Protein backbone atom coordinates (compact mmCIF):
# COMPACT_ATOMS: atom_id res chain seq x y z
CA MET A 1 109.52 16.65 -58.23
CA SER A 2 106.53 15.48 -58.86
CA PRO A 3 103.16 17.17 -57.67
CA LEU A 4 102.56 14.41 -54.97
CA ASN A 5 106.05 14.65 -53.53
CA THR A 6 105.41 18.63 -53.75
CA VAL A 7 102.25 17.93 -51.81
CA ASN A 8 104.02 15.84 -49.21
CA ALA A 9 106.73 18.16 -48.57
CA THR A 10 104.26 21.21 -48.30
CA ARG A 11 102.63 19.25 -45.45
CA LEU A 12 105.84 18.26 -43.77
CA ASP A 13 106.92 21.98 -43.44
CA THR A 14 103.66 23.09 -42.34
CA LYS A 15 103.71 20.36 -39.68
CA ARG A 16 107.30 21.66 -38.52
CA GLU A 17 106.28 25.06 -38.71
CA LEU A 18 103.09 23.86 -36.44
CA ALA A 19 105.65 21.86 -33.95
CA LYS A 20 108.04 24.90 -33.74
CA ALA A 21 105.32 27.37 -32.82
CA LYS A 22 104.00 24.88 -30.46
CA THR A 23 107.36 24.67 -28.63
CA CYS A 24 107.99 28.30 -28.84
CA ARG A 25 104.56 28.91 -27.01
CA ALA A 26 105.71 26.23 -24.57
CA LEU A 27 108.62 27.95 -23.86
CA LEU A 28 107.11 31.53 -23.08
CA LYS A 29 104.57 29.97 -20.93
CA SER A 30 107.74 27.83 -18.95
CA ALA A 31 109.31 31.10 -18.43
CA LEU A 32 106.31 33.36 -17.40
CA GLN A 33 105.33 30.49 -14.71
CA LEU A 34 109.14 30.51 -13.61
CA TYR A 35 109.10 34.56 -13.40
CA SER A 36 105.95 34.52 -11.37
CA LEU A 37 107.58 31.92 -9.02
CA GLU A 38 111.25 33.26 -8.68
CA GLY A 39 111.40 36.28 -10.67
CA ALA A 40 114.06 37.06 -13.32
CA CYS A 41 116.59 35.48 -11.21
CA GLY A 42 115.13 32.02 -11.68
CA MET A 43 114.80 32.33 -15.32
CA SER A 44 117.74 30.12 -16.09
CA MET A 45 117.65 28.55 -19.80
CA ASN A 46 117.83 24.81 -18.45
CA LYS A 47 114.77 25.37 -16.04
CA ILE A 48 113.12 27.19 -18.91
CA ALA A 49 113.70 24.46 -21.46
CA LYS A 50 112.81 21.48 -18.86
CA GLY A 51 109.41 23.50 -17.93
CA ALA A 52 108.45 23.33 -21.89
CA GLY A 53 109.83 19.33 -22.05
CA ILE A 54 112.45 19.91 -24.28
CA ALA A 55 116.45 19.67 -24.03
CA GLN A 56 118.23 22.51 -23.45
CA PRO A 57 120.18 22.68 -26.63
CA SER A 58 116.67 23.03 -28.52
CA PHE A 59 116.27 26.37 -26.80
CA TYR A 60 118.34 28.07 -29.22
CA ASN A 61 116.27 26.74 -32.05
CA HIS A 62 113.40 29.39 -30.87
CA PHE A 63 115.51 31.97 -29.25
CA ASP A 64 118.78 33.40 -28.83
CA SER A 65 119.26 33.61 -25.36
CA VAL A 66 117.11 33.84 -22.41
CA GLU A 67 116.96 37.83 -22.59
CA ALA A 68 115.77 37.44 -25.85
CA LEU A 69 112.83 35.29 -24.90
CA GLN A 70 112.40 37.68 -21.97
CA SER A 71 112.07 40.86 -24.45
CA GLU A 72 109.38 38.89 -26.42
CA LEU A 73 107.19 37.92 -23.54
CA SER A 74 107.72 41.61 -22.48
CA ARG A 75 106.09 42.49 -25.61
CA GLN A 76 103.45 40.18 -25.82
CA LEU A 77 102.40 41.02 -21.97
CA LYS A 78 102.59 44.62 -22.88
CA ASP A 79 100.31 43.91 -25.99
CA ASN A 80 97.86 42.30 -24.01
CA TYR A 81 97.69 44.48 -20.95
CA LEU A 82 97.28 47.45 -23.34
CA SER A 83 95.12 46.49 -25.77
CA LEU A 84 92.02 46.74 -23.59
CA MET A 85 92.95 49.62 -21.67
CA ARG A 86 94.40 52.11 -24.27
CA LYS A 87 90.80 53.07 -25.71
CA ALA A 88 89.52 53.33 -22.31
CA TRP A 89 91.99 55.57 -21.29
CA ALA A 90 91.99 57.71 -24.26
CA ASP A 91 88.20 58.09 -24.12
CA MET A 92 88.27 58.86 -20.25
CA LEU A 93 90.79 61.76 -21.19
CA GLY A 94 89.62 62.95 -24.38
CA ASP A 95 86.04 64.10 -23.30
CA TYR A 96 87.22 64.86 -19.89
CA PRO A 97 86.10 68.68 -20.46
CA THR A 98 82.63 67.94 -21.46
CA LEU A 99 81.70 64.99 -19.18
CA SER A 100 79.59 65.31 -16.33
CA ARG A 101 81.28 63.98 -13.23
CA ALA A 102 79.14 61.00 -13.02
CA ALA A 103 79.95 60.24 -16.82
CA PHE A 104 83.62 60.64 -16.05
CA ASN A 105 83.42 58.44 -12.91
CA GLN A 106 81.68 55.89 -15.15
CA ARG A 107 84.35 55.88 -17.96
CA CYS A 108 87.20 55.94 -15.02
CA GLN A 109 85.84 52.99 -13.12
CA HIS A 110 85.70 51.24 -16.34
CA CYS A 111 88.94 51.78 -17.28
CA LEU A 112 90.53 50.87 -13.63
CA THR A 113 88.36 47.60 -13.39
CA LEU A 114 90.39 46.67 -16.67
CA ILE A 115 93.35 47.37 -15.02
CA PHE A 116 92.61 45.47 -11.61
CA THR A 117 91.28 42.41 -13.37
CA ALA A 118 94.46 42.31 -15.47
CA ALA A 119 96.43 42.49 -12.31
CA PHE A 120 94.51 39.99 -10.45
CA GLN A 121 94.48 37.39 -13.40
CA ASN A 122 97.97 36.82 -11.95
CA ILE A 123 98.88 38.63 -9.06
CA ARG A 124 102.19 37.01 -8.46
CA LEU A 125 103.34 38.11 -12.04
CA PHE A 126 102.10 41.44 -11.21
CA GLN A 127 104.03 41.72 -7.99
CA ARG A 128 107.43 40.48 -9.73
CA LEU A 129 106.80 43.03 -12.49
CA LEU A 130 106.50 45.94 -10.21
CA GLU A 131 109.35 44.63 -7.93
CA ASP A 132 111.42 44.55 -11.27
CA SER A 133 110.15 47.87 -12.34
CA LEU A 134 111.59 49.52 -9.21
CA ARG A 135 115.15 48.08 -10.00
CA PHE A 136 114.79 48.60 -13.75
CA ASP A 137 117.52 50.90 -15.24
CA LEU A 138 116.85 52.85 -18.30
CA ARG A 139 120.73 52.62 -19.15
CA ILE A 140 120.57 48.89 -19.65
CA GLU A 141 120.06 47.83 -23.36
CA ASP A 142 118.67 44.46 -23.07
CA LYS A 143 115.42 45.62 -21.03
CA GLY A 144 113.55 42.34 -20.56
CA LEU A 145 110.72 42.16 -18.23
CA GLY A 146 112.01 44.98 -16.08
CA SER A 147 110.57 47.87 -18.38
CA LEU A 148 107.52 46.56 -18.74
CA PHE A 149 105.66 48.92 -16.36
CA THR A 150 108.02 51.95 -17.44
CA ASP A 151 106.57 51.20 -21.21
CA ILE A 152 103.15 50.91 -20.38
CA ARG A 153 103.54 54.61 -18.18
CA GLU A 154 105.35 55.90 -21.63
CA GLU A 155 102.09 54.78 -23.54
CA TRP A 156 100.02 56.35 -21.08
CA THR A 157 101.86 59.59 -20.91
CA LYS A 158 101.91 59.57 -24.67
CA ILE A 159 98.07 59.13 -25.08
CA PHE A 160 97.46 62.08 -22.34
CA ILE A 161 99.72 64.33 -24.52
CA GLN A 162 97.81 63.50 -27.63
CA GLU A 163 94.43 64.34 -25.84
CA LEU A 164 95.56 67.65 -24.22
CA GLN A 165 96.91 68.93 -27.76
CA SER A 166 93.54 67.94 -29.36
CA ALA A 167 91.84 70.09 -26.50
CA GLU A 168 94.08 72.96 -27.41
CA CYS A 169 95.59 72.97 -23.73
CA SER A 170 98.63 74.38 -22.84
CA PHE A 171 100.98 72.05 -20.44
CA GLU A 172 104.89 71.34 -19.65
CA THR A 173 105.65 67.89 -20.97
CA PHE A 174 107.15 67.18 -17.09
CA GLU A 175 103.85 67.80 -15.62
CA VAL A 176 102.26 65.05 -17.73
CA TYR A 177 104.75 62.84 -16.71
CA LEU A 178 104.21 63.72 -12.86
CA CYS A 179 100.71 63.15 -13.36
CA VAL A 180 100.88 59.53 -15.12
CA ASP A 181 103.48 58.57 -12.68
CA SER A 182 101.30 59.79 -9.77
CA ALA A 183 98.42 58.02 -10.98
CA SER A 184 100.24 54.51 -11.84
CA ALA A 185 102.01 54.71 -8.27
CA GLN A 186 98.35 55.15 -6.99
CA VAL A 187 97.07 52.22 -8.72
CA HIS A 188 99.77 49.92 -8.31
CA GLU A 189 99.54 50.38 -4.21
CA LEU A 190 95.87 50.15 -4.27
CA ILE A 191 95.99 46.71 -5.87
CA LEU A 192 98.39 45.51 -3.61
CA GLY A 193 96.41 46.64 -0.97
CA CYS A 194 93.03 44.77 -2.05
CA HIS A 195 95.38 41.76 -2.55
CA GLN A 196 96.25 42.24 0.99
CA GLY A 197 92.71 42.67 1.89
CA ARG A 198 92.92 46.06 3.53
CA TYR A 199 90.16 47.16 1.55
CA SER A 200 87.89 45.91 -1.44
CA GLN A 201 88.42 46.23 -5.32
CA GLN A 202 85.00 48.90 -5.23
CA GLN A 203 86.46 51.06 -2.62
CA ALA A 204 89.89 51.16 -3.87
CA ILE A 205 88.52 52.27 -7.51
CA ALA A 206 86.07 54.55 -5.89
CA MET A 207 89.16 56.60 -4.20
CA LEU A 208 91.24 56.49 -7.46
CA CYS A 209 88.10 57.63 -9.49
CA LYS A 210 87.93 60.91 -6.91
CA ASN A 211 91.89 61.38 -7.17
CA PHE A 212 92.01 61.18 -10.92
CA ASP A 213 89.37 63.80 -11.25
CA GLY A 214 91.56 66.27 -9.28
CA LEU A 215 94.65 64.92 -11.05
CA PHE A 216 93.48 65.23 -14.71
CA GLY A 217 91.13 68.29 -14.01
CA GLY A 218 93.88 70.81 -13.25
CA PHE A 219 95.28 70.78 -16.83
CA PHE A 220 91.97 71.49 -18.04
CA ILE A 221 90.71 74.00 -15.36
CA ASN A 222 94.14 76.15 -16.18
CA ASN A 223 92.46 76.44 -19.62
CA GLU A 224 89.21 77.53 -18.43
CA GLN A 225 87.60 74.24 -19.23
CA VAL A 226 86.08 73.27 -16.01
CA ILE A 227 84.27 69.96 -15.81
CA SER A 228 80.64 70.32 -15.74
CA SER A 229 78.59 69.44 -12.97
């Protein structure tokens, strides 16, 4: 093959790869919109392909199944949801024994504001994910979007355990799970309450900060590491 033909072939391959990536993004966007509006039951291959502007048979050029697409969508959502909050959560817990209440409150507000902002960017999606998480069965191999909140709680729990171990606190693993599950449930409930107009986001976050201080503090107080005034 001549150098010119090699260049042309390379350009053609690049163009095809770009087109394939663009279609893949369109499929994910279509699936996300469908899921937000109709939930997992509305995510048929035909509807997703139509929303992306391609024929249904072309779907298989990008994903083996709707379940495979859901798994990729779940991975991307989890990464986006966690990327900003992972450090905020770790900072809030890691320095807890040495923080004043004002400093803890500030970090807690920052972390919760990130969570609330992410939820309200697409409140319909948040509601669908929450509904599916309540129906999610850990025994199901193809987790899809239903496992998203469960996976996030697992991440929060892992970080919490690491920070407790770093602080040389004694604890039972089940106690950490109870703490994280309780904190998550409160956050989810208050996000929905804000959406329904029962109170403001500022009021909800202020209440959560107070509750979180009590939830997290017990682990450190039991080890004579009382938060300073």
